[in-house]
Amino acid sequence: MAGFSPRKLSFSIIFLGLMTVLGSQAALDVHYYDRTCPEAEKIIRYTVLNASMHDAKVPARILRMFFHDCFIRGCDASVLLDSTPQNQAEKDGPPNISLRAFYVIDDAKTKLESACPKTVSCADIVAIAARDVVAMSGGPFWNVLKGRKDGRISKASETINLPAPTFNVSTLIQSFTKRGLGVKDLVALSGGHTLGFSHCSSFQARLHNFSSVHDIDPTMNPEFAETLKKKCPKPNKNGNAGQFLDSTASTFDNNYYKQLLAGKGVFGSDQALYGDYRTKWIVESFANDQSLFFKEFATSMVKLGNVGVMEKGEVRLNCRVVN
């Protein structure tokens, strides 16, 4: 991955004049911390920027953390809770074993507790940090609605409900619909993979003995498949081997969609978006117009951030444990 560059802080501003969101369990507000913790967003932004300058993988990891949090129990920071002898938490569920960068959220929380104790929820930190990593990687900027509370329940068994890289479009649409997200949200949020990396285990089934008829998934570009086969031989003895989900993996752009048009989607679930009439036209639109993708991604991130918002939670003092 290319080194992280602070110059990408020249945010592409997309203003979303959303003060509150209708239909949520609690009213979120752009100005929620204006009086109680006016420096909150600045503290989070510089914590994330500093971490990203030292580790170029931080942006992708923070963005993935936000998705994985909101898809299970809503955006309540349940993904941050550590397991206990009595309970295996979400972060130790199979799809989340590879989640990283929790220390960045811990660092921001420590600074916020010093600046304004018992005020900023861990759920809001994750939502703001996700926006910041997108913006500082060259993507859109949007106003994050705030006021989420932190949940007290986290179960590894529930991570089975996360969308899998093997899903077809019908299953993906079902998964997103359950969370109040539409087909356009599905395609736009999948564009978050522009910052992603995957280990071989998530896509190697497409490369070896794919079906009784095809050894390789026929929707995959043959040359691209051969490249991946060399990185992910069978058997694969390198647990760190894998592939970036986008050829410009440190920059938030629309290259992910251009790769789908070329048959170079790494996940079967990604490539399926270009093979289904319900989503193909959206993929083509985003591949042809980056500004349109940025606008729709920002809109969908606001919608995702409103999933399962809690009105009666707590503000954790330590994001890893309930109060």
Protein backbone atom coordinates (compact mmCIF):
# COMPACT_ATOMS: atom_id res chain seq x y z
CA MET A 1 0.00 0.00 0.00
CA ALA A 2 1.27 3.47 -0.82
CA GLY A 3 2.32 5.62 2.11
CA PHE A 4 -0.33 7.77 3.77
CA SER A 5 -0.14 11.41 2.75
CA PRO A 6 -1.47 14.30 4.88
CA ARG A 7 -2.09 16.29 1.67
CA LYS A 8 -5.21 14.19 1.23
CA LEU A 9 -6.71 16.28 4.00
CA SER A 10 -7.92 18.58 1.24
CA PHE A 11 -11.40 17.25 1.83
CA SER A 12 -13.94 17.05 -0.94
CA ILE A 13 -16.81 18.69 0.89
CA ILE A 14 -20.28 17.32 0.46
CA PHE A 15 -22.72 19.17 2.66
CA LEU A 16 -25.56 17.14 4.04
CA GLY A 17 -27.96 19.49 5.77
CA LEU A 18 -29.37 16.85 8.03
CA MET A 19 -29.98 18.07 11.55
CA THR A 20 -32.05 15.11 12.62
CA VAL A 21 -33.01 11.82 11.05
CA LEU A 22 -36.62 10.76 10.89
CA GLY A 23 -37.59 7.22 11.72
CA SER A 24 -34.73 6.50 14.09
CA GLN A 25 -35.19 5.44 17.67
CA ALA A 26 -33.40 8.56 18.84
CA ALA A 27 -32.87 11.97 17.28
CA LEU A 28 -29.30 12.53 16.17
CA ASP A 29 -27.92 16.02 15.73
CA VAL A 30 -24.91 17.45 13.88
CA HIS A 31 -24.39 19.90 16.78
CA TYR A 32 -24.89 17.38 19.61
CA TYR A 33 -21.52 18.14 21.29
CA ASP A 34 -21.25 21.85 20.43
CA ARG A 35 -21.70 22.90 24.06
CA THR A 36 -20.67 19.81 26.00
CA CYS A 37 -17.49 18.93 24.07
CA PRO A 38 -16.77 21.45 21.30
CA GLU A 39 -13.31 19.99 20.53
CA ALA A 40 -14.61 16.41 20.12
CA GLU A 41 -14.37 16.14 16.34
CA LYS A 42 -10.98 17.86 16.23
CA ILE A 43 -9.59 15.46 18.86
CA ILE A 44 -10.85 12.42 16.95
CA ARG A 45 -9.63 13.75 13.59
CA TYR A 46 -6.07 14.34 14.73
CA THR A 47 -5.93 11.03 16.59
CA VAL A 48 -6.97 9.21 13.42
CA LEU A 49 -4.64 11.27 11.22
CA ASN A 50 -1.67 10.58 13.47
CA ALA A 51 -2.40 6.84 13.57
CA SER A 52 -2.82 6.74 9.77
CA MET A 53 0.52 8.44 9.22
CA HIS A 54 2.20 5.70 11.24
CA ASP A 55 0.18 2.82 9.75
CA ALA A 56 -1.29 3.13 6.25
CA LYS A 57 -3.75 0.29 6.98
CA VAL A 58 -5.64 2.29 9.61
CA PRO A 59 -8.15 3.98 7.23
CA ALA A 60 -9.40 0.70 5.76
CA ARG A 61 -9.58 -0.88 9.20
CA ILE A 62 -11.55 1.96 10.80
CA LEU A 63 -14.03 2.05 7.90
CA ARG A 64 -14.56 -1.71 8.11
CA MET A 65 -14.99 -1.44 11.89
CA PHE A 66 -17.87 1.02 11.40
CA PHE A 67 -19.64 -1.29 8.94
CA HIS A 68 -19.22 -4.32 11.17
CA ASP A 69 -20.46 -2.42 14.21
CA CYS A 70 -23.60 -1.01 12.58
CA PHE A 71 -24.62 -4.28 10.90
CA ILE A 72 -24.86 -6.08 14.26
CA ARG A 73 -27.25 -4.52 16.82
CA GLY A 74 -26.90 -1.15 15.08
CA CYS A 75 -24.26 1.54 15.61
CA ASP A 76 -23.76 1.00 19.36
CA ALA A 77 -20.00 0.27 19.61
CA SER A 78 -20.74 -3.35 20.54
CA VAL A 79 -17.88 -4.37 18.23
CA LEU A 80 -15.43 -2.65 20.60
CA LEU A 81 -16.30 -4.70 23.69
CA ASP A 82 -13.76 -7.31 24.80
CA SER A 83 -14.74 -10.91 25.46
CA THR A 84 -15.06 -12.06 29.06
CA PRO A 85 -14.89 -15.56 30.63
CA GLN A 86 -18.70 -15.56 30.52
CA ASN A 87 -19.16 -14.16 27.01
CA GLN A 88 -17.46 -14.26 23.63
CA ALA A 89 -17.86 -10.80 22.11
CA GLU A 90 -18.38 -9.71 18.49
CA LYS A 91 -14.73 -8.88 17.88
CA ASP A 92 -13.90 -12.58 18.41
CA GLY A 93 -16.54 -13.83 15.96
CA PRO A 94 -15.09 -15.44 12.79
CA PRO A 95 -15.75 -12.48 10.42
CA ASN A 96 -14.18 -10.05 12.91
CA ILE A 97 -11.00 -11.90 13.82
CA SER A 98 -9.15 -9.80 11.24
CA LEU A 99 -10.53 -6.48 12.51
CA ARG A 100 -7.70 -4.25 13.73
CA ALA A 101 -6.97 -0.69 14.88
CA PHE A 102 -9.10 -0.78 18.04
CA TYR A 103 -6.20 1.05 19.71
CA VAL A 104 -7.00 4.14 17.62
CA ILE A 105 -10.49 4.35 19.14
CA ASP A 106 -9.00 3.72 22.60
CA ASP A 107 -6.56 6.58 22.11
CA ALA A 108 -9.29 8.99 21.00
CA LYS A 109 -11.47 7.94 23.94
CA THR A 110 -8.66 8.56 26.44
CA LYS A 111 -8.15 12.08 25.09
CA LEU A 112 -11.89 12.79 25.08
CA GLU A 113 -12.29 11.60 28.67
CA SER A 114 -9.57 14.05 29.63
CA ALA A 115 -11.14 16.94 27.70
CA CYS A 116 -14.81 16.29 28.54
CA PRO A 117 -15.42 13.30 30.85
CA LYS A 118 -18.41 10.97 30.43
CA THR A 119 -19.66 12.87 27.38
CA VAL A 120 -18.71 11.39 23.99
CA SER A 121 -19.94 7.86 23.28
CA CYS A 122 -17.69 5.22 21.75
CA ALA A 123 -20.35 4.72 19.05
CA ASP A 124 -20.00 8.36 18.00
CA ILE A 125 -16.20 8.10 17.99
CA VAL A 126 -16.37 5.21 15.51
CA ALA A 127 -18.87 7.08 13.29
CA ILE A 128 -16.76 10.25 13.23
CA ALA A 129 -13.50 8.32 12.71
CA ALA A 130 -15.04 6.45 9.75
CA ARG A 131 -15.92 9.77 8.11
CA ASP A 132 -12.44 11.14 8.78
CA VAL A 133 -10.54 8.18 7.27
CA VAL A 134 -12.62 8.46 4.09
CA ALA A 135 -12.04 12.22 3.81
CA MET A 136 -8.32 12.07 4.54
CA SER A 137 -7.92 9.30 1.93
CA GLY A 138 -9.28 11.58 -0.78
CA GLY A 139 -12.98 10.76 -0.45
CA PRO A 140 -16.02 12.85 0.47
CA PHE A 141 -16.61 14.72 3.72
CA TRP A 142 -20.03 14.80 5.37
CA ASN A 143 -21.50 16.10 8.60
CA VAL A 144 -21.81 13.23 11.06
CA LEU A 145 -25.03 13.14 13.05
CA LYS A 146 -24.19 12.51 16.71
CA GLY A 147 -25.85 11.48 19.96
CA ARG A 148 -25.57 7.68 19.82
CA LYS A 149 -25.32 5.75 23.08
CA ASP A 150 -23.18 2.66 23.70
CA GLY A 151 -24.69 -0.81 23.99
CA ARG A 152 -23.99 -3.31 26.73
CA ILE A 153 -24.43 -6.54 24.74
CA SER A 154 -21.94 -8.08 22.31
CA LYS A 155 -22.18 -11.67 21.08
CA ALA A 156 -19.76 -13.38 18.70
CA SER A 157 -22.55 -15.69 17.53
CA GLU A 158 -24.41 -12.73 16.01
CA THR A 159 -21.59 -11.95 13.56
CA ILE A 160 -23.04 -14.71 11.35
CA ASN A 161 -25.43 -11.95 10.22
CA LEU A 162 -22.67 -9.94 8.54
CA PRO A 163 -22.75 -9.98 4.72
CA ALA A 164 -20.32 -12.60 3.42
CA PRO A 165 -17.96 -12.29 0.42
CA THR A 166 -19.77 -15.28 -1.13
CA PHE A 167 -23.26 -13.70 -1.08
CA ASN A 168 -25.22 -13.22 -4.29
CA VAL A 169 -27.12 -10.00 -4.97
CA SER A 170 -30.47 -11.31 -3.70
CA THR A 171 -28.92 -12.26 -0.36
CA LEU A 172 -27.09 -8.93 -0.15
CA ILE A 173 -30.29 -6.99 -0.83
CA GLN A 174 -32.06 -8.99 1.90
CA SER A 175 -29.29 -8.24 4.38
CA PHE A 176 -29.32 -4.51 3.65
CA THR A 177 -33.13 -4.28 3.58
CA LYS A 178 -33.29 -5.67 7.13
CA ARG A 179 -31.29 -2.62 8.18
CA GLY A 180 -33.41 -0.11 6.30
CA LEU A 181 -30.92 0.25 3.46
CA GLY A 182 -31.85 0.09 -0.22
CA VAL A 183 -30.21 -1.26 -3.38
CA LYS A 184 -28.40 2.03 -4.08
CA ASP A 185 -27.06 2.01 -0.50
CA LEU A 186 -25.80 -1.55 -1.06
CA VAL A 187 -23.83 -0.59 -4.16
CA ALA A 188 -22.58 2.71 -2.73
CA LEU A 189 -21.42 1.25 0.59
CA SER A 190 -19.73 -1.66 -1.21
CA GLY A 191 -17.52 1.06 -2.67
CA GLY A 192 -15.89 1.25 0.75
CA HIS A 193 -13.85 -1.70 -0.52
CA THR A 194 -11.80 0.87 -2.42
CA LEU A 195 -9.69 0.96 0.78
CA GLY A 196 -9.80 -2.76 1.44
CA PHE A 197 -7.51 -5.78 1.58
CA SER A 198 -8.54 -9.41 1.79
CA HIS A 199 -6.74 -12.57 2.80
CA CYS A 200 -6.88 -15.50 0.39
CA SER A 201 -9.39 -17.40 2.52
CA SER A 202 -12.19 -15.00 1.54
CA PHE A 203 -11.90 -15.51 -2.21
CA GLN A 204 -9.76 -18.58 -3.00
CA ALA A 205 -12.86 -20.72 -3.61
CA ARG A 206 -13.26 -18.69 -6.82
CA LEU A 207 -9.80 -19.82 -8.00
CA HIS A 208 -9.75 -23.58 -7.44
CA ASN A 209 -12.46 -26.15 -8.27
CA PHE A 210 -15.10 -23.43 -8.45
CA SER A 211 -17.74 -25.78 -9.83
CA SER A 212 -18.11 -29.11 -11.61
CA VAL A 213 -17.85 -27.21 -14.89
CA HIS A 214 -15.37 -24.41 -14.13
CA ASP A 215 -12.12 -24.53 -12.21
CA ILE A 216 -12.13 -20.70 -11.98
CA ASP A 217 -15.20 -18.49 -11.45
CA PRO A 218 -16.18 -17.61 -15.04
CA THR A 219 -17.15 -14.06 -14.02
CA MET A 220 -13.50 -13.36 -13.16
CA ASN A 221 -11.05 -11.89 -15.67
CA PRO A 222 -8.80 -14.88 -16.63
CA GLU A 223 -5.52 -12.96 -16.37
CA PHE A 224 -6.55 -11.50 -13.03
CA ALA A 225 -7.47 -15.00 -11.83
CA GLU A 226 -4.02 -16.31 -12.74
CA THR A 227 -2.42 -13.44 -10.81
CA LEU A 228 -4.51 -14.29 -7.74
CA LYS A 229 -3.71 -18.01 -8.11
CA LYS A 230 -0.01 -17.24 -7.79
CA LYS A 231 -0.66 -15.24 -4.61
CA CYS A 232 -3.04 -17.86 -3.23
CA PRO A 233 -1.80 -21.33 -4.25
CA LYS A 234 -3.51 -24.47 -3.05
CA PRO A 235 -2.57 -25.36 -0.41
CA ASN A 236 -1.73 -21.87 0.81
CA LYS A 237 0.84 -21.85 3.63
CA ASN A 238 1.10 -18.06 3.94
CA GLY A 239 -1.63 -16.80 6.28
CA ASN A 240 -0.84 -13.17 5.38
CA ALA A 241 -1.20 -13.64 1.62
CA GLY A 242 -4.03 -11.83 -0.09
CA GLN A 243 -5.07 -9.08 -2.46
CA PHE A 244 -6.08 -5.42 -2.30
CA LEU A 245 -9.72 -4.99 -3.30
CA ASP A 246 -8.79 -2.00 -5.45
CA SER A 247 -5.59 -1.22 -7.38
CA THR A 248 -5.45 2.23 -5.71
CA ALA A 249 -5.99 0.86 -2.23
CA SER A 250 -4.71 3.85 -0.23
CA THR A 251 -6.91 6.33 -2.12
CA PHE A 252 -10.67 6.59 -1.77
CA ASP A 253 -11.90 6.74 -5.37
CA ASN A 254 -14.21 4.97 -7.83
CA ASN A 255 -11.57 2.57 -9.15
CA TYR A 256 -13.32 -0.29 -7.32
CA TYR A 257 -16.26 0.01 -9.74
CA LYS A 258 -14.00 0.22 -12.78
CA GLN A 259 -12.44 -3.06 -11.69
CA LEU A 260 -15.87 -4.70 -11.53
CA LEU A 261 -16.48 -3.64 -15.15
CA ALA A 262 -13.21 -5.38 -16.06
CA GLY A 263 -14.10 -8.59 -14.20
CA LYS A 264 -11.52 -7.86 -11.51
CA GLY A 265 -13.71 -7.89 -8.41
CA VAL A 266 -11.91 -9.88 -5.72
CA PHE A 267 -14.97 -11.05 -3.80
CA GLY A 268 -17.71 -13.02 -5.51
CA SER A 269 -20.21 -10.69 -3.80
CA ASP A 270 -18.50 -7.66 -5.36
CA GLN A 271 -18.37 -9.05 -8.89
CA ALA A 272 -22.00 -10.15 -8.57
CA LEU A 273 -23.04 -6.48 -8.38
CA TYR A 274 -22.05 -6.09 -12.04
CA GLY A 275 -23.78 -9.30 -13.08
CA ASP A 276 -27.27 -8.49 -11.79
CA TYR A 277 -29.69 -6.16 -13.59
CA ARG A 278 -30.78 -4.61 -10.27
CA THR A 279 -27.31 -3.33 -9.45
CA LYS A 280 -25.38 -3.31 -12.75
CA TRP A 281 -26.61 0.14 -13.83
CA ILE A 282 -25.57 1.66 -10.48
CA VAL A 283 -22.09 0.10 -10.74
CA GLU A 284 -21.76 1.59 -14.24
CA SER A 285 -22.96 5.01 -13.03
CA PHE A 286 -20.40 5.10 -10.22
CA ALA A 287 -17.61 3.83 -12.51
CA ASN A 288 -18.34 6.67 -14.93
CA ASP A 289 -18.90 9.46 -12.40
CA GLN A 290 -16.76 9.63 -9.26
CA SER A 291 -18.54 12.73 -7.94
CA LEU A 292 -21.86 10.87 -8.12
CA PHE A 293 -20.33 7.96 -6.19
CA PHE A 294 -18.97 10.34 -3.54
CA LYS A 295 -22.38 12.00 -3.13
CA GLU A 296 -24.24 8.69 -2.81
CA PHE A 297 -21.60 7.16 -0.53
CA ALA A 298 -21.86 10.10 1.88
CA THR A 299 -25.67 9.87 1.87
CA SER A 300 -25.57 6.11 2.50
CA MET A 301 -23.03 6.48 5.32
CA VAL A 302 -25.40 8.87 7.10
CA LYS A 303 -28.20 6.29 6.69
CA LEU A 304 -25.97 3.44 7.89
CA GLY A 305 -24.92 5.53 10.89
CA ASN A 306 -28.56 5.79 11.91
CA VAL A 307 -29.19 2.03 12.04
CA GLY A 308 -30.28 0.85 15.48
CA VAL A 309 -29.44 4.10 17.27
CA MET A 310 -29.89 3.69 21.01
CA GLU A 311 -31.73 6.21 23.16
CA LYS A 312 -31.22 4.41 26.47
CA GLY A 313 -27.63 3.27 26.39
CA GLU A 314 -24.63 4.53 28.30
CA VAL A 315 -21.51 6.50 27.50
CA ARG A 316 -18.72 4.01 28.19
CA LEU A 317 -15.72 5.33 30.07
CA ASN A 318 -13.60 2.58 28.45
CA CYS A 319 -14.75 1.45 25.01
CA ARG A 320 -13.68 -2.14 25.72
CA VAL A 321 -15.87 -2.73 28.79
CA VAL A 322 -19.37 -1.77 29.91
CA ASN A 323 -19.56 0.70 32.79
